[in-house]
PDB file of all heavy atoms in Angstrom:
ATOM      1  N   PHE A   1      87.111  93.191 165.709  1.00  0.00           N
ATOM      2  CA  PHE A   1      86.570  91.824 165.508  1.00  0.00           C
ATOM      3  C   PHE A   1      87.038  90.870 166.602  1.00  0.00           C
ATOM      4  O   PHE A   1      86.242  90.190 167.269  1.00  0.00           O
ATOM      5  CB  PHE A   1      87.002  91.347 164.121  1.00  0.00           C
ATOM      6  CG  PHE A   1      86.635  89.900 163.874  1.00  0.00           C
ATOM      7  CD1 PHE A   1      85.355  89.559 163.440  1.00  0.00           C
ATOM      8  CD2 PHE A   1      87.593  88.888 163.998  1.00  0.00           C
ATOM      9  CE1 PHE A   1      85.048  88.223 163.174  1.00  0.00           C
ATOM     10  CE2 PHE A   1      87.282  87.579 163.747  1.00  0.00           C
ATOM     11  CZ  PHE A   1      86.002  87.242 163.335  1.00  0.00           C
ATOM     12  N   ILE A   2      88.350  90.809 166.824  1.00  0.00           N
ATOM     13  CA  ILE A   2      88.921  89.798 167.728  1.00  0.00           C
ATOM     14  C   ILE A   2      88.519  90.076 169.181  1.00  0.00           C
ATOM     15  O   ILE A   2      88.267  89.157 169.967  1.00  0.00           O
ATOM     16  CB  ILE A   2      90.454  89.724 167.556  1.00  0.00           C
ATOM     17  CG1 ILE A   2      90.990  88.419 168.103  1.00  0.00           C
ATOM     18  CG2 ILE A   2      91.145  90.906 168.177  1.00  0.00           C
ATOM     19  CD1 ILE A   2      90.648  87.205 167.290  1.00  0.00           C
ATOM     20  N   VAL A   3      88.455  91.382 169.544  1.00  0.00           N
ATOM     21  CA  VAL A   3      88.070  91.709 170.949  1.00  0.00           C
ATOM     22  C   VAL A   3      86.551  91.515 171.123  1.00  0.00           C
ATOM     23  O   VAL A   3      86.113  91.125 172.217  1.00  0.00           O
ATOM     24  CB  VAL A   3      88.501  93.130 171.294  1.00  0.00           C
ATOM     25  CG1 VAL A   3      88.060  93.524 172.711  1.00  0.00           C
ATOM     26  CG2 VAL A   3      90.032  93.247 171.191  1.00  0.00           C
ATOM     27  N   ALA A   4      85.773  91.782 170.095  1.00  0.00           N
ATOM     28  CA  ALA A   4      84.324  91.526 170.158  1.00  0.00           C
ATOM     29  C   ALA A   4      84.098  90.046 170.395  1.00  0.00           C
ATOM     30  O   ALA A   4      83.283  89.647 171.248  1.00  0.00           O
ATOM     31  CB  ALA A   4      83.640  91.997 168.878  1.00  0.00           C
ATOM     32  N   LYS A   5      84.767  89.189 169.635  1.00  0.00           N
ATOM     33  CA  LYS A   5      84.635  87.759 169.813  1.00  0.00           C
ATOM     34  C   LYS A   5      85.044  87.328 171.208  1.00  0.00           C
ATOM     35  O   LYS A   5      84.403  86.464 171.813  1.00  0.00           O
ATOM     36  CB  LYS A   5      85.476  87.029 168.776  1.00  0.00           C
ATOM     37  CG  LYS A   5      84.988  87.164 167.335  1.00  0.00           C
ATOM     38  CD  LYS A   5      83.757  86.290 167.063  1.00  0.00           C
ATOM     39  CE  LYS A   5      83.402  86.233 165.600  1.00  0.00           C
ATOM     40  NZ  LYS A   5      82.209  85.402 165.339  1.00  0.00           N
ATOM     41  N   ALA A   6      86.148  87.920 171.723  1.00  0.00           N
ATOM     42  CA  ALA A   6      86.622  87.589 173.067  1.00  0.00           C
ATOM     43  C   ALA A   6      85.598  87.977 174.135  1.00  0.00           C
ATOM     44  O   ALA A   6      85.572  87.301 175.188  1.00  0.00           O
ATOM     45  CB  ALA A   6      87.945  88.303 173.337  1.00  0.00           C
ATOM     46  N   ASN A   7      84.807  88.988 173.860  1.00  0.00           N
ATOM     47  CA  ASN A   7      83.773  89.410 174.814  1.00  0.00           C
ATOM     48  C   ASN A   7      82.403  88.822 174.485  1.00  0.00           C
ATOM     49  O   ASN A   7      81.377  89.308 175.005  1.00  0.00           O
ATOM     50  CB  ASN A   7      83.699  90.940 174.839  1.00  0.00           C
ATOM     51  CG  ASN A   7      84.845  91.551 175.630  1.00  0.00           C
ATOM     52  OD1 ASN A   7      84.831  91.560 176.835  1.00  0.00           O
ATOM     53  ND2 ASN A   7      85.845  92.032 174.886  1.00  0.00           N
ATOM     54  N   LYS A   8      82.401  87.782 173.605  1.00  0.00           N
ATOM     55  CA  LYS A   8      81.162  87.075 173.243  1.00  0.00           C
ATOM     56  C   LYS A   8      80.118  88.004 172.613  1.00  0.00           C
ATOM     57  O   LYS A   8      78.917  87.831 172.808  1.00  0.00           O
ATOM     58  CB  LYS A   8      80.605  86.348 174.444  1.00  0.00           C
ATOM     59  CG  LYS A   8      81.513  85.232 174.957  1.00  0.00           C
ATOM     60  CD  LYS A   8      80.884  84.494 176.126  1.00  0.00           C
ATOM     61  CE  LYS A   8      81.647  83.239 176.526  1.00  0.00           C
ATOM     62  NZ  LYS A   8      83.095  83.294 176.375  1.00  0.00           N
ATOM     63  N   ILE A   9      80.616  89.017 171.873  1.00  0.00           N
ATOM     64  CA  ILE A   9      79.728  89.889 171.093  1.00  0.00           C
ATOM     65  C   ILE A   9      79.639  89.323 169.694  1.00  0.00           C
ATOM     66  O   ILE A   9      80.661  89.083 169.065  1.00  0.00           O
ATOM     67  CB  ILE A   9      80.274  91.335 171.077  1.00  0.00           C
ATOM     68  CG1 ILE A   9      80.324  91.917 172.489  1.00  0.00           C
ATOM     69  CG2 ILE A   9      79.429  92.218 170.167  1.00  0.00           C
ATOM     70  CD1 ILE A   9      81.025  93.244 172.586  1.00  0.00           C
ATOM     71  N   GLY A  10      78.424  89.127 169.211  1.00  0.00           N
ATOM     72  CA  GLY A  10      78.262  88.569 167.862  1.00  0.00           C
ATOM     73  C   GLY A  10      78.669  89.569 166.784  1.00  0.00           C
ATOM     74  O   GLY A  10      78.372  90.743 166.861  1.00  0.00           O
ATOM     75  N   VAL A  11      79.357  89.068 165.773  1.00  0.00           N
ATOM     76  CA  VAL A  11      79.781  89.870 164.615  1.00  0.00           C
ATOM     77  C   VAL A  11      78.958  89.424 163.392  1.00  0.00           C
ATOM     78  O   VAL A  11      79.085  88.282 162.959  1.00  0.00           O
ATOM     79  CB  VAL A  11      81.270  89.754 164.348  1.00  0.00           C
ATOM     80  CG1 VAL A  11      81.637  90.592 163.103  1.00  0.00           C
ATOM     81  CG2 VAL A  11      82.092  90.216 165.557  1.00  0.00           C
ATOM     82  N   VAL A  12      78.089  90.322 162.919  1.00  0.00           N
ATOM     83  CA  VAL A  12      77.229  89.999 161.771  1.00  0.00           C
ATOM     84  C   VAL A  12      78.079  89.927 160.495  1.00  0.00           C
ATOM     85  O   VAL A  12      77.936  88.971 159.723  1.00  0.00           O
ATOM     86  CB  VAL A  12      76.128  91.062 161.598  1.00  0.00           C
ATOM     87  CG1 VAL A  12      75.279  90.754 160.371  1.00  0.00           C
ATOM     88  CG2 VAL A  12      75.286  91.165 162.857  1.00  0.00           C
ATOM     89  N   GLU A  13      78.915  90.916 160.284  1.00  0.00           N
ATOM     90  CA  GLU A  13      79.710  90.957 159.063  1.00  0.00           C
ATOM     91  C   GLU A  13      81.068  91.634 159.337  1.00  0.00           C
ATOM     92  O   GLU A  13      81.161  92.658 160.010  1.00  0.00           O
ATOM     93  CB  GLU A  13      78.960  91.705 157.960  1.00  0.00           C
ATOM     94  CG  GLU A  13      79.745  91.719 156.628  1.00  0.00           C
ATOM     95  CD  GLU A  13      78.973  92.386 155.512  1.00  0.00           C
ATOM     96  OE1 GLU A  13      78.270  93.392 155.804  1.00  0.00           O
ATOM     97  OE2 GLU A  13      79.084  91.942 154.349  1.00  0.00           O
ATOM     98  N   PHE A  14      82.096  91.044 158.750  1.00  0.00           N
ATOM     99  CA  PHE A  14      83.452  91.625 158.790  1.00  0.00           C
ATOM    100  C   PHE A  14      83.827  91.875 157.332  1.00  0.00           C
ATOM    101  O   PHE A  14      83.878  90.935 156.532  1.00  0.00           O
ATOM    102  CB  PHE A  14      84.420  90.636 159.451  1.00  0.00           C
ATOM    103  CG  PHE A  14      85.836  91.131 159.500  1.00  0.00           C
ATOM    104  CD1 PHE A  14      86.218  92.091 160.449  1.00  0.00           C
ATOM    105  CD2 PHE A  14      86.790  90.665 158.624  1.00  0.00           C
ATOM    106  CE1 PHE A  14      87.519  92.571 160.516  1.00  0.00           C
ATOM    107  CE2 PHE A  14      88.105  91.121 158.688  1.00  0.00           C
ATOM    108  CZ  PHE A  14      88.470  92.044 159.638  1.00  0.00           C
ATOM    109  N   SER A  15      84.008  93.142 156.977  1.00  0.00           N
ATOM    110  CA  SER A  15      84.212  93.431 155.544  1.00  0.00           C
ATOM    111  C   SER A  15      85.370  94.386 155.335  1.00  0.00           C
ATOM    112  O   SER A  15      85.721  95.206 156.164  1.00  0.00           O
ATOM    113  CB  SER A  15      82.951  94.020 154.951  1.00  0.00           C
ATOM    114  OG  SER A  15      82.679  95.325 155.521  1.00  0.00           O
ATOM    115  N   LEU A  16      85.939  94.251 154.138  1.00  0.00           N
ATOM    116  CA  LEU A  16      86.979  95.177 153.642  1.00  0.00           C
ATOM    117  C   LEU A  16      86.355  95.966 152.511  1.00  0.00           C
ATOM    118  O   LEU A  16      85.793  95.399 151.570  1.00  0.00           O
ATOM    119  CB  LEU A  16      88.186  94.399 153.146  1.00  0.00           C
ATOM    120  CG  LEU A  16      89.285  95.246 152.477  1.00  0.00           C
ATOM    121  CD1 LEU A  16      89.871  96.258 153.481  1.00  0.00           C
ATOM    122  CD2 LEU A  16      90.367  94.362 151.918  1.00  0.00           C
ATOM    123  N   GLY A  17      86.415  97.275 152.614  1.00  0.00           N
ATOM    124  CA  GLY A  17      85.847  98.138 151.571  1.00  0.00           C
ATOM    125  C   GLY A  17      84.475  98.644 151.921  1.00  0.00           C
ATOM    126  O   GLY A  17      83.915  98.294 152.974  1.00  0.00           O
ATOM    127  N   MET A  18      83.913  99.441 151.033  1.00  0.00           N
ATOM    128  CA  MET A  18      82.575 100.005 151.243  1.00  0.00           C
ATOM    129  C   MET A  18      81.764  99.787 149.973  1.00  0.00           C
ATOM    130  O   MET A  18      82.283  99.546 148.923  1.00  0.00           O
ATOM    131  CB  MET A  18      82.687 101.490 151.593  1.00  0.00           C
ATOM    132  CG  MET A  18      83.486 101.789 152.840  1.00  0.00           C
ATOM    133  SD  MET A  18      83.762 103.544 153.122  1.00  0.00           S
ATOM    134  CE  MET A  18      82.082 104.079 153.486  1.00  0.00           C
ATOM    135  N   GLY A  19      80.411  99.946 150.111  1.00  0.00           N
ATOM    136  CA  GLY A  19      79.562  99.819 148.948  1.00  0.00           C
ATOM    137  C   GLY A  19      79.060  98.425 148.725  1.00  0.00           C
ATOM    138  O   GLY A  19      79.019  97.589 149.625  1.00  0.00           O
ATOM    139  N   PRO A  20      78.703  98.089 147.473  1.00  0.00           N
ATOM    140  CA  PRO A  20      78.171  96.748 147.172  1.00  0.00           C
ATOM    141  C   PRO A  20      79.178  95.650 147.403  1.00  0.00           C
ATOM    142  O   PRO A  20      80.374  95.831 147.173  1.00  0.00           O
ATOM    143  CB  PRO A  20      77.825  96.851 145.647  1.00  0.00           C
ATOM    144  CG  PRO A  20      77.749  98.329 145.366  1.00  0.00           C
ATOM    145  CD  PRO A  20      78.722  98.972 146.305  1.00  0.00           C
ATOM    146  N   ARG A  21      78.685  94.471 147.821  1.00  0.00           N
ATOM    147  CA  ARG A  21      79.567  93.326 148.044  1.00  0.00           C
ATOM    148  C   ARG A  21      79.975  92.723 146.712  1.00  0.00           C
ATOM    149  O   ARG A  21      79.171  92.591 145.801  1.00  0.00           O
ATOM    150  CB  ARG A  21      78.827  92.249 148.876  1.00  0.00           C
ATOM    151  CG  ARG A  21      78.562  92.682 150.301  1.00  0.00           C
ATOM    152  CD  ARG A  21      77.590  91.726 150.972  1.00  0.00           C
ATOM    153  NE  ARG A  21      77.312  92.177 152.323  1.00  0.00           N
ATOM    154  CZ  ARG A  21      76.471  93.186 152.639  1.00  0.00           C
ATOM    155  NH1 ARG A  21      75.827  93.795 151.666  1.00  0.00           N
ATOM    156  NH2 ARG A  21      76.263  93.533 153.864  1.00  0.00           N
ATOM    157  N   ILE A  22      81.267  92.394 146.614  1.00  0.00           N
ATOM    158  CA  ILE A  22      81.752  91.662 145.442  1.00  0.00           C
ATOM    159  C   ILE A  22      81.678  90.153 145.716  1.00  0.00           C
ATOM    160  O   ILE A  22      81.154  89.383 144.925  1.00  0.00           O
ATOM    161  CB  ILE A  22      83.198  92.057 145.104  1.00  0.00           C
ATOM    162  CG1 ILE A  22      83.279  93.568 144.758  1.00  0.00           C
ATOM    163  CG2 ILE A  22      83.751  91.235 143.944  1.00  0.00           C
ATOM    164  CD1 ILE A  22      84.669  94.063 144.578  1.00  0.00           C
ATOM    165  N   ILE A  23      82.217  89.765 146.869  1.00  0.00           N
ATOM    166  CA  ILE A  23      82.245  88.353 147.250  1.00  0.00           C
ATOM    167  C   ILE A  23      82.074  88.242 148.749  1.00  0.00           C
ATOM    168  O   ILE A  23      82.560  89.087 149.501  1.00  0.00           O
ATOM    169  CB  ILE A  23      83.567  87.690 146.789  1.00  0.00           C
ATOM    170  CG1 ILE A  23      83.533  86.182 147.104  1.00  0.00           C
ATOM    171  CG2 ILE A  23      84.781  88.379 147.375  1.00  0.00           C
ATOM    172  CD1 ILE A  23      84.711  85.421 146.496  1.00  0.00           C
ATOM    173  N   SER A  24      81.311  87.265 149.176  1.00  0.00           N
ATOM    174  CA  SER A  24      81.076  87.033 150.607  1.00  0.00           C
ATOM    175  C   SER A  24      81.317  85.549 150.921  1.00  0.00           C
ATOM    176  O   SER A  24      81.013  84.665 150.107  1.00  0.00           O
ATOM    177  CB  SER A  24      79.665  87.409 150.990  1.00  0.00           C
ATOM    178  OG  SER A  24      79.443  88.795 150.803  1.00  0.00           O
ATOM    179  N   TYR A  25      81.854  85.324 152.122  1.00  0.00           N
ATOM    180  CA  TYR A  25      82.134  83.967 152.568  1.00  0.00           C
ATOM    181  C   TYR A  25      81.572  83.784 153.969  1.00  0.00           C
ATOM    182  O   TYR A  25      81.611  84.700 154.791  1.00  0.00           O
ATOM    183  CB  TYR A  25      83.642  83.706 152.577  1.00  0.00           C
ATOM    184  CG  TYR A  25      84.030  82.486 153.374  1.00  0.00           C
ATOM    185  CD1 TYR A  25      84.033  81.204 152.788  1.00  0.00           C
ATOM    186  CD2 TYR A  25      84.404  82.587 154.705  1.00  0.00           C
ATOM    187  CE1 TYR A  25      84.382  80.093 153.512  1.00  0.00           C
ATOM    188  CE2 TYR A  25      84.754  81.465 155.451  1.00  0.00           C
ATOM    189  CZ  TYR A  25      84.765  80.229 154.853  1.00  0.00           C
ATOM    190  OH  TYR A  25      85.081  79.112 155.564  1.00  0.00           O
ATOM    191  N   MET A  26      80.975  82.620 154.241  1.00  0.00           N
ATOM    192  CA  MET A  26      80.477  82.361 155.563  1.00  0.00           C
ATOM    193  C   MET A  26      80.541  80.841 155.851  1.00  0.00           C
ATOM    194  O   MET A  26      80.445  80.049 154.900  1.00  0.00           O
ATOM    195  CB  MET A  26      79.045  82.903 155.748  1.00  0.00           C
ATOM    196  CG  MET A  26      78.027  82.184 154.964  1.00  0.00           C
ATOM    197  SD  MET A  26      77.277  82.990 153.498  1.00  0.00           S
ATOM    198  CE  MET A  26      78.342  84.240 152.973  1.00  0.00           C
ATOM    199  N   ASN A  27      80.711  80.534 157.091  1.00  0.00           N
ATOM    200  CA  ASN A  27      80.720  79.118 157.520  1.00  0.00           C
ATOM    201  C   ASN A  27      79.406  78.884 158.239  1.00  0.00           C
ATOM    202  O   ASN A  27      79.267  79.156 159.431  1.00  0.00           O
ATOM    203  CB  ASN A  27      81.914  78.883 158.437  1.00  0.00           C
ATOM    204  CG  ASN A  27      82.117  77.397 158.758  1.00  0.00           C
ATOM    205  OD1 ASN A  27      81.487  76.544 158.133  1.00  0.00           O
ATOM    206  ND2 ASN A  27      82.991  77.113 159.683  1.00  0.00           N
ATOM    207  N   THR A  28      78.436  78.399 157.555  1.00  0.00           N
ATOM    208  CA  THR A  28      77.074  78.246 158.102  1.00  0.00           C
ATOM    209  C   THR A  28      76.855  76.864 158.739  1.00  0.00           C
ATOM    210  O   THR A  28      77.764  76.008 158.703  1.00  0.00           O
ATOM    211  CB  THR A  28      76.027  78.456 156.984  1.00  0.00           C
ATOM    212  OG1 THR A  28      76.048  77.298 156.127  1.00  0.00           O
ATOM    213  CG2 THR A  28      76.316  79.670 156.176  1.00  0.00           C
ATOM    214  N   LYS A  29      75.676  76.679 159.256  1.00  0.00           N
ATOM    215  CA  LYS A  29      75.317  75.391 159.838  1.00  0.00           C
ATOM    216  C   LYS A  29      75.338  74.281 158.781  1.00  0.00           C
ATOM    217  O   LYS A  29      75.549  73.103 159.098  1.00  0.00           O
ATOM    218  CB  LYS A  29      73.919  75.465 160.468  1.00  0.00           C
ATOM    219  CG  LYS A  29      73.815  76.411 161.623  1.00  0.00           C
ATOM    220  CD  LYS A  29      72.376  76.514 162.134  1.00  0.00           C
ATOM    221  CE  LYS A  29      72.256  77.504 163.269  1.00  0.00           C
ATOM    222  NZ  LYS A  29      70.860  77.668 163.725  1.00  0.00           N
ATOM    223  N   GLU A  30      75.112  74.684 157.556  1.00  0.00           N
ATOM    224  CA  GLU A  30      75.079  73.715 156.421  1.00  0.00           C
ATOM    225  C   GLU A  30      76.424  73.572 155.730  1.00  0.00           C
ATOM    226  O   GLU A  30      76.521  72.872 154.736  1.00  0.00           O
ATOM    227  CB  GLU A  30      74.017  74.134 155.438  1.00  0.00           C
ATOM    228  CG  GLU A  30      72.608  74.186 156.034  1.00  0.00           C
ATOM    229  CD  GLU A  30      71.580  74.649 155.018  1.00  0.00           C
ATOM    230  OE1 GLU A  30      71.973  75.011 153.899  1.00  0.00           O
ATOM    231  OE2 GLU A  30      70.379  74.633 155.353  1.00  0.00           O
ATOM    232  N   GLY A  31      77.426  74.263 156.246  1.00  0.00           N
ATOM    233  CA  GLY A  31      78.759  74.195 155.637  1.00  0.00           C
ATOM    234  C   GLY A  31      79.187  75.544 155.073  1.00  0.00           C
ATOM    235  O   GLY A  31      78.527  76.555 155.227  1.00  0.00           O
ATOM    236  N   LYS A  32      80.349  75.549 154.445  1.00  0.00           N
ATOM    237  CA  LYS A  32      80.950  76.784 153.908  1.00  0.00           C
ATOM    238  C   LYS A  32      80.206  77.232 152.661  1.00  0.00           C
ATOM    239  O   LYS A  32      79.894  76.406 151.804  1.00  0.00           O
ATOM    240  CB  LYS A  32      82.427  76.577 153.623  1.00  0.00           C
ATOM    241  CG  LYS A  32      83.248  76.254 154.867  1.00  0.00           C
ATOM    242  CD  LYS A  32      84.690  75.941 154.521  1.00  0.00           C
ATOM    243  CE  LYS A  32      85.454  75.574 155.786  1.00  0.00           C
ATOM    244  NZ  LYS A  32      86.879  75.236 155.503  1.00  0.00           N
ATOM    245  N   LYS A  33      79.978  78.565 152.573  1.00  0.00           N
ATOM    246  CA  LYS A  33      79.280  79.098 151.396  1.00  0.00           C
ATOM    247  C   LYS A  33      80.012  80.332 150.903  1.00  0.00           C
ATOM    248  O   LYS A  33      80.487  81.157 151.685  1.00  0.00           O
ATOM    249  CB  LYS A  33      77.841  79.450 151.743  1.00  0.00           C
ATOM    250  CG  LYS A  33      76.896  78.286 151.881  1.00  0.00           C
ATOM    251  CD  LYS A  33      75.458  78.746 151.959  1.00  0.00           C
ATOM    252  CE  LYS A  33      74.506  77.554 152.012  1.00  0.00           C
ATOM    253  NZ  LYS A  33      73.094  78.000 152.016  1.00  0.00           N
ATOM    254  N   VAL A  34      80.042  80.475 149.580  1.00  0.00           N
ATOM    255  CA  VAL A  34      80.590  81.670 148.939  1.00  0.00           C
ATOM    256  C   VAL A  34      79.532  82.220 148.015  1.00  0.00           C
ATOM    257  O   VAL A  34      78.924  81.484 147.217  1.00  0.00           O
ATOM    258  CB  VAL A  34      81.886  81.319 148.122  1.00  0.00           C
ATOM    259  CG1 VAL A  34      82.388  82.557 147.391  1.00  0.00           C
ATOM    260  CG2 VAL A  34      82.979  80.769 149.033  1.00  0.00           C
ATOM    261  N   THR A  35      79.282  83.517 148.124  1.00  0.00           N
ATOM    262  CA  THR A  35      78.278  84.185 147.257  1.00  0.00           C
ATOM    263  C   THR A  35      78.927  85.378 146.594  1.00  0.00           C
ATOM    264  O   THR A  35      79.899  85.942 147.087  1.00  0.00           O
ATOM    265  CB  THR A  35      77.061  84.636 148.066  1.00  0.00           C
ATOM    266  OG1 THR A  35      77.467  85.585 149.065  1.00  0.00           O
ATOM    267  CG2 THR A  35      76.368  83.478 148.750  1.00  0.00           C
ATOM    268  N   PHE A  36      78.357  85.767 145.450  1.00  0.00           N
ATOM    269  CA  PHE A  36      78.883  86.916 144.700  1.00  0.00           C
ATOM    270  C   PHE A  36      77.750  87.960 144.524  1.00  0.00           C
ATOM    271  O   PHE A  36      76.615  87.603 144.194  1.00  0.00           O
ATOM    272  CB  PHE A  36      79.360  86.442 143.313  1.00  0.00           C
ATOM    273  CG  PHE A  36      80.525  85.465 143.380  1.00  0.00           C
ATOM    274  CD1 PHE A  36      80.292  84.105 143.451  1.00  0.00           C
ATOM    275  CD2 PHE A  36      81.831  85.930 143.455  1.00  0.00           C
ATOM    276  CE1 PHE A  36      81.356  83.224 143.510  1.00  0.00           C
ATOM    277  CE2 PHE A  36      82.899  85.060 143.508  1.00  0.00           C
ATOM    278  CZ  PHE A  36      82.657  83.684 143.558  1.00  0.00           C
ATOM    279  N   PHE A  37      78.125  89.198 144.764  1.00  0.00           N
ATOM    280  CA  PHE A  37      77.243  90.354 144.526  1.00  0.00           C
ATOM    281  C   PHE A  37      75.866  90.188 145.186  1.00  0.00           C
ATOM    282  O   PHE A  37      74.840  90.453 144.575  1.00  0.00           O
ATOM    283  CB  PHE A  37      77.083  90.553 143.004  1.00  0.00           C
ATOM    284  CG  PHE A  37      78.377  90.766 142.283  1.00  0.00           C
ATOM    285  CD1 PHE A  37      78.913  89.721 141.534  1.00  0.00           C
ATOM    286  CD2 PHE A  37      79.039  91.970 142.366  1.00  0.00           C
ATOM    287  CE1 PHE A  37      80.131  89.902 140.879  1.00  0.00           C
ATOM    288  CE2 PHE A  37      80.238  92.140 141.699  1.00  0.00           C
ATOM    289  CZ  PHE A  37      80.798  91.112 140.948  1.00  0.00           C
TER     290      PHE A  37
END
């Protein structure tokens, strides 16, 4: 993640674990958002 950002490579998602999402967080143009499942 950190080296991709340093090389200006976009990161779509940074996740811990596999399978269905439990909780997601993002800092969007409209502000911070938290979603579940």
